[in-house]
Amino acid sequence: MLTLIILTGVIVAFADNDKEIPLSWVPDQAMEAAKKAVPGIHIVEAERHRTHKGVVYELDGVADGKKYEVNVTADGEVLTIIQDRETSLNQR
């Protein structure tokens, strides 16, 4: 029985690694950093990832008709900005 409880905890820990979350769960510092990094961005989707840097938020949005993905830490450090070359989110 003890083994089952430990395994269940491990499975839950891995299942929680990459997860879509409500925008309201993104820390204010992370959201503000993304908006500063890509002026005019309207963030429409967020995911939370656990990495060697700790928790990283992947924020997807649109600015000037182009899709962007901004990866930022909870304390507002922008790690990457990716501009998608395909159809923007608002043109789907």
Protein backbone atom coordinates (compact mmCIF):
# COMPACT_ATOMS: atom_id res chain seq x y z
CA MET A 1 0.00 0.00 0.00
CA LEU A 2 2.83 2.39 0.83
CA THR A 3 4.39 1.80 -2.60
CA LEU A 4 1.13 2.69 -4.33
CA ILE A 5 0.90 5.98 -2.45
CA ILE A 6 4.49 6.90 -3.37
CA LEU A 7 3.96 6.00 -7.03
CA THR A 8 0.75 8.00 -7.14
CA GLY A 9 2.61 11.03 -5.78
CA VAL A 10 5.30 10.66 -8.45
CA ILE A 11 2.72 10.40 -11.21
CA VAL A 12 0.92 13.50 -9.97
CA ALA A 13 4.23 15.40 -9.82
CA PHE A 14 5.04 14.53 -13.43
CA ALA A 15 1.49 15.17 -14.65
CA ASP A 16 1.63 18.69 -13.18
CA ASN A 17 4.85 19.59 -15.04
CA ASP A 18 3.37 21.15 -18.19
CA LYS A 19 -0.08 22.53 -17.73
CA GLU A 20 -2.38 25.10 -19.32
CA ILE A 21 -3.51 27.55 -16.67
CA PRO A 22 -5.93 30.48 -16.42
CA LEU A 23 -4.35 33.86 -17.14
CA SER A 24 -5.31 34.94 -13.63
CA TRP A 25 -2.82 32.39 -12.24
CA VAL A 26 0.15 34.04 -13.99
CA PRO A 27 2.11 36.24 -11.54
CA ASP A 28 1.79 39.97 -12.21
CA GLN A 29 5.57 40.33 -12.64
CA ALA A 30 5.60 37.65 -15.35
CA MET A 31 2.64 39.18 -17.19
CA GLU A 32 4.10 42.70 -17.06
CA ALA A 33 7.49 41.49 -18.28
CA ALA A 34 5.88 39.79 -21.29
CA LYS A 35 3.91 42.94 -22.12
CA LYS A 36 7.04 45.05 -21.87
CA ALA A 37 9.03 42.59 -24.03
CA VAL A 38 6.40 42.63 -26.80
CA PRO A 39 4.68 46.04 -26.82
CA GLY A 40 0.98 45.84 -27.61
CA ILE A 41 0.69 42.09 -26.99
CA HIS A 42 -2.72 40.73 -26.05
CA ILE A 43 -2.03 37.55 -24.10
CA VAL A 44 -4.65 34.88 -24.73
CA GLU A 45 -3.20 31.67 -23.31
CA ALA A 46 -0.78 30.56 -20.60
CA GLU A 47 1.03 27.36 -19.65
CA ARG A 48 3.16 26.61 -16.63
CA HIS A 49 6.34 24.51 -17.01
CA ARG A 50 8.86 23.30 -14.46
CA THR A 51 12.44 23.60 -15.74
CA HIS A 52 15.97 23.88 -14.40
CA LYS A 53 15.19 27.62 -14.04
CA GLY A 54 12.22 26.80 -11.80
CA VAL A 55 8.68 27.59 -12.89
CA VAL A 56 8.48 29.16 -16.34
CA TYR A 57 5.33 30.62 -17.84
CA GLU A 58 4.73 30.26 -21.57
CA LEU A 59 2.50 33.15 -22.57
CA ASP A 60 0.92 33.12 -26.04
CA GLY A 61 -0.51 36.24 -27.56
CA VAL A 62 -0.95 38.52 -30.53
CA ALA A 63 0.62 41.88 -31.38
CA ASP A 64 0.27 43.68 -34.71
CA GLY A 65 -1.42 40.61 -36.23
CA LYS A 66 1.49 38.29 -35.37
CA LYS A 67 1.53 35.42 -32.87
CA TYR A 68 4.11 35.46 -30.10
CA GLU A 69 5.22 33.05 -27.43
CA VAL A 70 6.99 34.66 -24.48
CA ASN A 71 8.67 32.43 -21.89
CA VAL A 72 9.15 34.23 -18.60
CA THR A 73 9.97 33.31 -15.00
CA ALA A 74 7.65 34.12 -12.11
CA ASP A 75 9.86 37.05 -11.10
CA GLY A 76 9.70 38.61 -14.57
CA GLU A 77 12.87 37.43 -16.28
CA VAL A 78 12.13 37.04 -20.01
CA LEU A 79 13.87 33.90 -21.25
CA THR A 80 12.72 33.72 -24.88
CA ILE A 81 10.46 35.50 -27.34
CA ILE A 82 9.31 33.52 -30.34
CA GLN A 83 7.40 35.10 -33.21
CA ASP A 84 5.29 32.60 -35.12
CA ARG A 85 5.50 32.96 -38.88
CA GLU A 86 2.15 31.28 -39.46
CA THR A 87 -1.41 32.60 -39.18
CA SER A 88 -1.98 34.73 -36.11
CA LEU A 89 -4.37 33.64 -33.37
CA ASN A 90 -6.97 36.22 -34.35
CA GLN A 91 -7.01 35.03 -37.99
CA ARG A 92 -7.98 31.41 -37.29
